[in-house]
Amino acid sequence: MNPRLPAVLAVVLLAHIAVAAQLPTAGSPTGINTAFIKLFGDVSAFSARLDTQVLDHSGKEWLRMPMDFAALDKKIRMDINLEQSTSRDLPANTITSLKQTGMDRMVSIFRPDKKASFVLYPRIKRYLTLPLAKGESEAMEKGLQMEKTNLGKETVDGHACVKNGVVVKNQQGPVLRATTWNAPDLRDFPIQIQTKEQDTTVTMRFKQIQFAKPDPKQFEVPADYTQMTQ
């Protein structure tokens, strides 16, 4: 998985791995990373409904995936129900098969403090542990810098936003490029994030944003879950 892919798209791809193999392998990354978290600026705690749209090289929608998104002190949680997703490459009978195996719902938890991500399957009470890549651990230790370029003003969902070109860099150079729409009336929160990777365009729009701190227990693996093995 290319580390420049945004977190949400990587989880989408993880879902497709589950579709193809019925069980992700221990080496499958989620793609959630510190560069992506950097886009949220000074907002360290929030919850929101997130709608993700993926367009192909011709600008046609390949996938749309809604999910619940929560963040707390650089920890990230995403709750995904594949029944709510639409994709031209995801047949309806595939969702039925996933429901039968209890893998149609998944939770991805990014825990940089534990140098790992966890993928939970609540319906079968099982989880997968994915160690962070070496480069990701180094990024956390050495830090990242973010540069913004003002691209003008646009309104998104009724919020007057500042449109920014954003580059997140480490000591070797850029690790993430994105366009963000930051809303001054929402603590400069990026209510829309867009990235491009080769011929794919990913647009992430946050709605129903709440700045209250999520329950820390949401970012833990429940004690009654069983760990998956490769």
C-alpha atoms as a PDB file:
ATOM      1  CA  MET A   1       0.000   0.000   0.000  1.00  0.00           C
ATOM      2  CA  ASN A   2       1.426   3.345  -1.011  1.00  0.00           C
ATOM      3  CA  PRO A   3       1.909   5.390   2.222  1.00  0.00           C
ATOM      4  CA  ARG A   4       0.641   8.498   0.433  1.00  0.00           C
ATOM      5  CA  LEU A   5      -2.830   7.057   0.054  1.00  0.00           C
ATOM      6  CA  PRO A   6      -5.284   8.730   2.430  1.00  0.00           C
ATOM      7  CA  ALA A   7      -6.535   6.739   5.377  1.00  0.00           C
ATOM      8  CA  VAL A   8     -10.061   6.367   4.128  1.00  0.00           C
ATOM      9  CA  LEU A   9      -9.111   5.054   0.696  1.00  0.00           C
ATOM     10  CA  ALA A  10      -6.750   2.539   2.247  1.00  0.00           C
ATOM     11  CA  VAL A  11      -9.529   1.211   4.451  1.00  0.00           C
ATOM     12  CA  VAL A  12     -11.707   0.930   1.359  1.00  0.00           C
ATOM     13  CA  LEU A  13      -9.002  -1.208  -0.222  1.00  0.00           C
ATOM     14  CA  LEU A  14      -8.762  -3.239   2.965  1.00  0.00           C
ATOM     15  CA  ALA A  15     -12.465  -3.919   2.616  1.00  0.00           C
ATOM     16  CA  HIS A  16     -11.863  -5.202  -0.896  1.00  0.00           C
ATOM     17  CA  ILE A  17      -9.141  -7.481   0.439  1.00  0.00           C
ATOM     18  CA  ALA A  18     -11.731  -8.904   2.812  1.00  0.00           C
ATOM     19  CA  VAL A  19     -14.122  -9.332  -0.105  1.00  0.00           C
ATOM     20  CA  ALA A  20     -11.550 -11.220  -2.153  1.00  0.00           C
ATOM     21  CA  ALA A  21      -9.946 -13.331   0.546  1.00  0.00           C
ATOM     22  CA  GLN A  22     -12.600 -13.435   3.306  1.00  0.00           C
ATOM     23  CA  LEU A  23      -9.822 -12.731   5.800  1.00  0.00           C
ATOM     24  CA  PRO A  24      -7.171  -9.987   5.647  1.00  0.00           C
ATOM     25  CA  THR A  25      -3.606 -11.110   6.051  1.00  0.00           C
ATOM     26  CA  ALA A  26      -1.508  -9.868   8.939  1.00  0.00           C
ATOM     27  CA  GLY A  27       0.554  -7.746   6.564  1.00  0.00           C
ATOM     28  CA  SER A  28      -2.346  -5.732   5.159  1.00  0.00           C
ATOM     29  CA  PRO A  29      -1.906  -2.062   6.108  1.00  0.00           C
ATOM     30  CA  THR A  30      -4.788   0.266   6.823  1.00  0.00           C
ATOM     31  CA  GLY A  31      -2.955   3.320   5.528  1.00  0.00           C
ATOM     32  CA  ILE A  32      -3.981   5.500   8.466  1.00  0.00           C
ATOM     33  CA  ASN A  33      -0.949   7.631   9.161  1.00  0.00           C
ATOM     34  CA  THR A  34       0.418  10.645  10.968  1.00  0.00           C
ATOM     35  CA  ALA A  35       0.606  12.666   7.737  1.00  0.00           C
ATOM     36  CA  PHE A  36      -3.149  12.393   7.280  1.00  0.00           C
ATOM     37  CA  ILE A  37      -3.797  13.316  10.934  1.00  0.00           C
ATOM     38  CA  LYS A  38      -1.667  16.422  10.419  1.00  0.00           C
ATOM     39  CA  LEU A  39      -4.403  17.828   8.150  1.00  0.00           C
ATOM     40  CA  PHE A  40      -6.663  18.380  11.180  1.00  0.00           C
ATOM     41  CA  GLY A  41      -4.338  21.023  12.607  1.00  0.00           C
ATOM     42  CA  ASP A  42      -4.988  21.956  16.216  1.00  0.00           C
ATOM     43  CA  VAL A  43      -8.220  19.941  16.462  1.00  0.00           C
ATOM     44  CA  SER A  44      -7.202  16.911  18.517  1.00  0.00           C
ATOM     45  CA  ALA A  45     -10.635  15.556  19.451  1.00  0.00           C
ATOM     46  CA  PHE A  46     -13.816  15.276  17.387  1.00  0.00           C
ATOM     47  CA  SER A  47     -16.370  12.925  15.895  1.00  0.00           C
ATOM     48  CA  ALA A  48     -18.174  13.205  12.564  1.00  0.00           C
ATOM     49  CA  ARG A  49     -20.016  11.445   9.788  1.00  0.00           C
ATOM     50  CA  LEU A  50     -17.688  11.047   6.833  1.00  0.00           C
ATOM     51  CA  ASP A  51     -18.691  10.528   3.212  1.00  0.00           C
ATOM     52  CA  THR A  52     -15.936   9.313   0.903  1.00  0.00           C
ATOM     53  CA  GLN A  53     -16.191   9.406  -2.876  1.00  0.00           C
ATOM     54  CA  VAL A  54     -13.612   7.789  -5.165  1.00  0.00           C
ATOM     55  CA  LEU A  55     -13.468   8.787  -8.848  1.00  0.00           C
ATOM     56  CA  ASP A  56     -11.585   6.930 -11.558  1.00  0.00           C
ATOM     57  CA  HIS A  57      -9.359   8.416 -14.270  1.00  0.00           C
ATOM     58  CA  SER A  58     -12.403   9.457 -16.335  1.00  0.00           C
ATOM     59  CA  GLY A  59     -14.027  11.278 -13.423  1.00  0.00           C
ATOM     60  CA  LYS A  60     -16.691   8.604 -12.926  1.00  0.00           C
ATOM     61  CA  GLU A  61     -17.600   7.412  -9.453  1.00  0.00           C
ATOM     62  CA  TRP A  62     -15.957   4.110  -8.602  1.00  0.00           C
ATOM     63  CA  LEU A  63     -16.959   3.949  -4.954  1.00  0.00           C
ATOM     64  CA  ARG A  64     -18.895   5.871  -2.323  1.00  0.00           C
ATOM     65  CA  MET A  65     -18.501   4.897   1.298  1.00  0.00           C
ATOM     66  CA  PRO A  66     -20.047   6.593   4.351  1.00  0.00           C
ATOM     67  CA  MET A  67     -18.633   5.928   7.799  1.00  0.00           C
ATOM     68  CA  ASP A  68     -18.412   7.208  11.363  1.00  0.00           C
ATOM     69  CA  PHE A  69     -15.092   8.884  12.121  1.00  0.00           C
ATOM     70  CA  ALA A  70     -13.643   9.802  15.513  1.00  0.00           C
ATOM     71  CA  ALA A  71     -10.305  11.226  16.660  1.00  0.00           C
ATOM     72  CA  LEU A  72      -8.730  11.642  20.079  1.00  0.00           C
ATOM     73  CA  ASP A  73      -5.127  12.710  20.686  1.00  0.00           C
ATOM     74  CA  LYS A  74      -3.833  11.287  17.368  1.00  0.00           C
ATOM     75  CA  LYS A  75      -5.856   8.103  17.759  1.00  0.00           C
ATOM     76  CA  ILE A  76      -8.322   7.479  14.924  1.00  0.00           C
ATOM     77  CA  ARG A  77     -11.392   5.246  14.717  1.00  0.00           C
ATOM     78  CA  MET A  78     -13.479   4.534  11.601  1.00  0.00           C
ATOM     79  CA  ASP A  79     -16.678   2.462  11.659  1.00  0.00           C
ATOM     80  CA  ILE A  80     -17.671   1.037   8.273  1.00  0.00           C
ATOM     81  CA  ASN A  81     -20.841  -0.776   7.246  1.00  0.00           C
ATOM     82  CA  LEU A  82     -20.290  -2.184   3.759  1.00  0.00           C
ATOM     83  CA  GLU A  83     -24.057  -2.436   3.226  1.00  0.00           C
ATOM     84  CA  GLN A  84     -24.112   1.359   3.066  1.00  0.00           C
ATOM     85  CA  SER A  85     -21.387   1.469   0.422  1.00  0.00           C
ATOM     86  CA  THR A  86     -21.853   1.469  -3.335  1.00  0.00           C
ATOM     87  CA  SER A  87     -19.310   0.441  -5.949  1.00  0.00           C
ATOM     88  CA  ARG A  88     -19.547  -0.681  -9.518  1.00  0.00           C
ATOM     89  CA  ASP A  89     -17.015  -3.406  -8.652  1.00  0.00           C
ATOM     90  CA  LEU A  90     -18.817  -4.665  -5.563  1.00  0.00           C
ATOM     91  CA  PRO A  91     -21.672  -7.049  -6.517  1.00  0.00           C
ATOM     92  CA  ALA A  92     -24.663  -7.276  -4.194  1.00  0.00           C
ATOM     93  CA  ASN A  93     -24.073 -10.990  -3.605  1.00  0.00           C
ATOM     94  CA  THR A  94     -20.618 -10.162  -2.252  1.00  0.00           C
ATOM     95  CA  ILE A  95     -22.176  -8.134   0.564  1.00  0.00           C
ATOM     96  CA  THR A  96     -24.512 -11.040   1.262  1.00  0.00           C
ATOM     97  CA  SER A  97     -21.509 -13.357   1.524  1.00  0.00           C
ATOM     98  CA  LEU A  98     -19.743 -10.967   3.866  1.00  0.00           C
ATOM     99  CA  LYS A  99     -22.823 -10.764   6.060  1.00  0.00           C
ATOM    100  CA  GLN A 100     -22.834 -14.535   6.312  1.00  0.00           C
ATOM    101  CA  THR A 101     -19.248 -14.495   7.542  1.00  0.00           C
ATOM    102  CA  GLY A 102     -19.888 -11.560   9.890  1.00  0.00           C
ATOM    103  CA  MET A 103     -17.394  -9.326   8.067  1.00  0.00           C
ATOM    104  CA  ASP A 104     -19.744  -6.775   6.514  1.00  0.00           C
ATOM    105  CA  ARG A 105     -19.018  -4.375   9.373  1.00  0.00           C
ATOM    106  CA  MET A 106     -15.537  -3.369  10.406  1.00  0.00           C
ATOM    107  CA  VAL A 107     -13.797  -0.891  12.664  1.00  0.00           C
ATOM    108  CA  SER A 108     -10.317   0.455  11.978  1.00  0.00           C
ATOM    109  CA  ILE A 109      -8.395   1.894  14.936  1.00  0.00           C
ATOM    110  CA  PHE A 110      -5.078   3.694  14.518  1.00  0.00           C
ATOM    111  CA  ARG A 111      -2.956   3.727  17.696  1.00  0.00           C
ATOM    112  CA  PRO A 112       0.379   5.464  17.093  1.00  0.00           C
ATOM    113  CA  ASP A 113       1.189   5.163  20.804  1.00  0.00           C
ATOM    114  CA  LYS A 114       1.120   1.373  20.374  1.00  0.00           C
ATOM    115  CA  LYS A 115       2.779   1.534  16.943  1.00  0.00           C
ATOM    116  CA  ALA A 116      -0.064  -0.504  15.489  1.00  0.00           C
ATOM    117  CA  SER A 117      -3.450  -0.391  13.801  1.00  0.00           C
ATOM    118  CA  PHE A 118      -6.296  -2.718  14.694  1.00  0.00           C
ATOM    119  CA  VAL A 119      -9.091  -3.937  12.430  1.00  0.00           C
ATOM    120  CA  LEU A 120     -12.125  -5.121  14.396  1.00  0.00           C
ATOM    121  CA  TYR A 121     -15.067  -7.207  13.207  1.00  0.00           C
ATOM    122  CA  PRO A 122     -17.763  -6.499  15.838  1.00  0.00           C
ATOM    123  CA  ARG A 123     -20.263  -9.099  14.627  1.00  0.00           C
ATOM    124  CA  ILE A 124     -17.825 -11.983  15.181  1.00  0.00           C
ATOM    125  CA  LYS A 125     -15.816 -10.306  17.970  1.00  0.00           C
ATOM    126  CA  ARG A 126     -12.467 -10.824  16.285  1.00  0.00           C
ATOM    127  CA  TYR A 127      -9.654  -8.420  15.463  1.00  0.00           C
ATOM    128  CA  LEU A 128      -6.461  -8.116  13.492  1.00  0.00           C
ATOM    129  CA  THR A 129      -3.266  -6.385  14.669  1.00  0.00           C
ATOM    130  CA  LEU A 130      -1.246  -4.551  12.004  1.00  0.00           C
ATOM    131  CA  PRO A 131       2.148  -3.192  13.166  1.00  0.00           C
ATOM    132  CA  LEU A 132       3.048   0.195  11.768  1.00  0.00           C
ATOM    133  CA  ALA A 133       5.697   0.313   9.088  1.00  0.00           C
ATOM    134  CA  LYS A 134       9.189   1.402  10.129  1.00  0.00           C
ATOM    135  CA  GLY A 135       8.879   4.649   8.207  1.00  0.00           C
ATOM    136  CA  GLU A 136       5.643   5.493   9.991  1.00  0.00           C
ATOM    137  CA  SER A 137       7.245   4.997  13.410  1.00  0.00           C
ATOM    138  CA  GLU A 138      10.128   7.242  12.379  1.00  0.00           C
ATOM    139  CA  ALA A 139       7.671   9.935  11.229  1.00  0.00           C
ATOM    140  CA  MET A 140       6.056   9.943  14.655  1.00  0.00           C
ATOM    141  CA  GLU A 141       9.385  10.259  16.395  1.00  0.00           C
ATOM    142  CA  LYS A 142      10.909  12.947  14.163  1.00  0.00           C
ATOM    143  CA  GLY A 143       7.746  14.892  13.420  1.00  0.00           C
ATOM    144  CA  LEU A 144       6.217  16.258  10.241  1.00  0.00           C
ATOM    145  CA  GLN A 145       5.868  19.764   8.852  1.00  0.00           C
ATOM    146  CA  MET A 146       2.778  21.075   7.063  1.00  0.00           C
ATOM    147  CA  GLU A 147       2.763  23.876   4.499  1.00  0.00           C
ATOM    148  CA  LYS A 148      -0.413  25.590   3.267  1.00  0.00           C
ATOM    149  CA  THR A 149      -1.022  27.676   0.156  1.00  0.00           C
ATOM    150  CA  ASN A 150      -4.209  29.763   0.018  1.00  0.00           C
ATOM    151  CA  LEU A 151      -6.161  28.879  -3.136  1.00  0.00           C
ATOM    152  CA  GLY A 152      -9.138  31.166  -2.527  1.00  0.00           C
ATOM    153  CA  LYS A 153     -12.530  30.834  -0.897  1.00  0.00           C
ATOM    154  CA  GLU A 154     -15.405  28.428  -1.538  1.00  0.00           C
ATOM    155  CA  THR A 155     -18.606  27.462   0.275  1.00  0.00           C
ATOM    156  CA  VAL A 156     -19.070  23.829   1.306  1.00  0.00           C
ATOM    157  CA  ASP A 157     -22.326  22.667   2.912  1.00  0.00           C
ATOM    158  CA  GLY A 158     -23.185  26.254   3.840  1.00  0.00           C
ATOM    159  CA  HIS A 159     -19.788  26.967   5.445  1.00  0.00           C
ATOM    160  CA  ALA A 160     -17.589  29.713   3.996  1.00  0.00           C
ATOM    161  CA  CYS A 161     -14.242  27.942   3.621  1.00  0.00           C
ATOM    162  CA  VAL A 162     -10.667  28.800   2.819  1.00  0.00           C
ATOM    163  CA  LYS A 163      -9.409  26.443   0.119  1.00  0.00           C
ATOM    164  CA  ASN A 164      -5.813  25.393   0.728  1.00  0.00           C
ATOM    165  CA  GLY A 165      -3.180  23.416  -1.112  1.00  0.00           C
ATOM    166  CA  VAL A 166      -1.440  21.395   1.595  1.00  0.00           C
ATOM    167  CA  VAL A 167       1.876  19.564   1.599  1.00  0.00           C
ATOM    168  CA  VAL A 168       2.972  17.436   4.555  1.00  0.00           C
ATOM    169  CA  LYS A 169       6.738  16.833   4.622  1.00  0.00           C
ATOM    170  CA  ASN A 170       9.291  14.841   6.527  1.00  0.00           C
ATOM    171  CA  GLN A 171      13.068  15.318   6.393  1.00  0.00           C
ATOM    172  CA  GLN A 172      13.250  13.551   3.033  1.00  0.00           C
ATOM    173  CA  GLY A 173      10.481  15.556   1.353  1.00  0.00           C
ATOM    174  CA  PRO A 174       6.690  15.504   0.739  1.00  0.00           C
ATOM    175  CA  VAL A 175       4.768  12.483   2.042  1.00  0.00           C
ATOM    176  CA  LEU A 176       1.234  13.773   1.429  1.00  0.00           C
ATOM    177  CA  ARG A 177      -0.322  16.346  -0.897  1.00  0.00           C
ATOM    178  CA  ALA A 178      -3.955  17.377  -0.497  1.00  0.00           C
ATOM    179  CA  THR A 179      -6.469  20.129  -1.035  1.00  0.00           C
ATOM    180  CA  THR A 180      -8.458  21.089   2.052  1.00  0.00           C
ATOM    181  CA  TRP A 181     -11.499  23.286   2.606  1.00  0.00           C
ATOM    182  CA  ASN A 182     -11.080  24.767   6.095  1.00  0.00           C
ATOM    183  CA  ALA A 183     -14.109  26.319   7.817  1.00  0.00           C
ATOM    184  CA  PRO A 184     -13.268  29.268  10.117  1.00  0.00           C
ATOM    185  CA  ASP A 185     -16.647  28.912  11.851  1.00  0.00           C
ATOM    186  CA  LEU A 186     -15.695  25.333  12.805  1.00  0.00           C
ATOM    187  CA  ARG A 187     -12.291  26.022  14.363  1.00  0.00           C
ATOM    188  CA  ASP A 188     -10.667  25.961  10.906  1.00  0.00           C
ATOM    189  CA  PHE A 189     -11.601  22.302  10.584  1.00  0.00           C
ATOM    190  CA  PRO A 190     -11.017  20.768   7.098  1.00  0.00           C
ATOM    191  CA  ILE A 191     -14.615  19.809   6.338  1.00  0.00           C
ATOM    192  CA  GLN A 192     -13.526  18.595   2.912  1.00  0.00           C
ATOM    193  CA  ILE A 193     -10.255  16.914   1.924  1.00  0.00           C
ATOM    194  CA  GLN A 194      -9.319  15.914  -1.599  1.00  0.00           C
ATOM    195  CA  THR A 195      -6.319  13.881  -2.709  1.00  0.00           C
ATOM    196  CA  LYS A 196      -5.129  12.514  -6.019  1.00  0.00           C
ATOM    197  CA  GLU A 197      -3.013   9.425  -6.490  1.00  0.00           C
ATOM    198  CA  GLN A 198      -2.123   8.646 -10.085  1.00  0.00           C
ATOM    199  CA  ASP A 199      -5.517   8.528 -11.896  1.00  0.00           C
ATOM    200  CA  THR A 200      -7.690   8.325  -8.780  1.00  0.00           C
ATOM    201  CA  THR A 201      -9.384  11.265  -7.027  1.00  0.00           C
ATOM    202  CA  VAL A 202     -10.646  10.850  -3.473  1.00  0.00           C
ATOM    203  CA  THR A 203     -12.949  13.425  -1.861  1.00  0.00           C
ATOM    204  CA  MET A 204     -13.727  13.171   1.858  1.00  0.00           C
ATOM    205  CA  ARG A 205     -16.474  15.356   3.302  1.00  0.00           C
ATOM    206  CA  PHE A 206     -17.077  15.598   7.053  1.00  0.00           C
ATOM    207  CA  LYS A 207     -20.580  16.304   8.352  1.00  0.00           C
ATOM    208  CA  GLN A 208     -22.294  16.420  11.750  1.00  0.00           C
ATOM    209  CA  ILE A 209     -18.985  17.468  13.313  1.00  0.00           C
ATOM    210  CA  GLN A 210     -18.865  17.404  17.101  1.00  0.00           C
ATOM    211  CA  PHE A 211     -15.871  18.731  19.033  1.00  0.00           C
ATOM    212  CA  ALA A 212     -16.667  16.964  22.297  1.00  0.00           C
ATOM    213  CA  LYS A 213     -14.034  14.386  23.263  1.00  0.00           C
ATOM    214  CA  PRO A 214     -15.012  10.854  22.232  1.00  0.00           C
ATOM    215  CA  ASP A 215     -15.003   8.139  24.886  1.00  0.00           C
ATOM    216  CA  PRO A 216     -11.413   6.794  25.133  1.00  0.00           C
ATOM    217  CA  LYS A 217     -12.824   3.255  25.268  1.00  0.00           C
ATOM    218  CA  GLN A 218     -13.768   3.607  21.593  1.00  0.00           C
ATOM    219  CA  PHE A 219     -10.072   3.387  20.732  1.00  0.00           C
ATOM    220  CA  GLU A 220      -9.424   0.154  22.611  1.00  0.00           C
ATOM    221  CA  VAL A 221      -9.853  -3.455  21.505  1.00  0.00           C
ATOM    222  CA  PRO A 222     -12.648  -4.943  23.667  1.00  0.00           C
ATOM    223  CA  ALA A 223     -11.453  -7.573  26.119  1.00  0.00           C
ATOM    224  CA  ASP A 224     -13.845 -10.214  24.775  1.00  0.00           C
ATOM    225  CA  TYR A 225     -12.466 -10.042  21.193  1.00  0.00           C
ATOM    226  CA  THR A 226     -10.233 -12.826  19.860  1.00  0.00           C
ATOM    227  CA  GLN A 227      -7.170 -11.971  17.812  1.00  0.00           C
ATOM    228  CA  MET A 228      -6.978 -13.281  14.262  1.00  0.00           C
ATOM    229  CA  THR A 229      -3.890 -15.171  13.130  1.00  0.00           C
ATOM    230  CA  GLN A 230      -2.467 -15.259   9.639  1.00  0.00           C
END
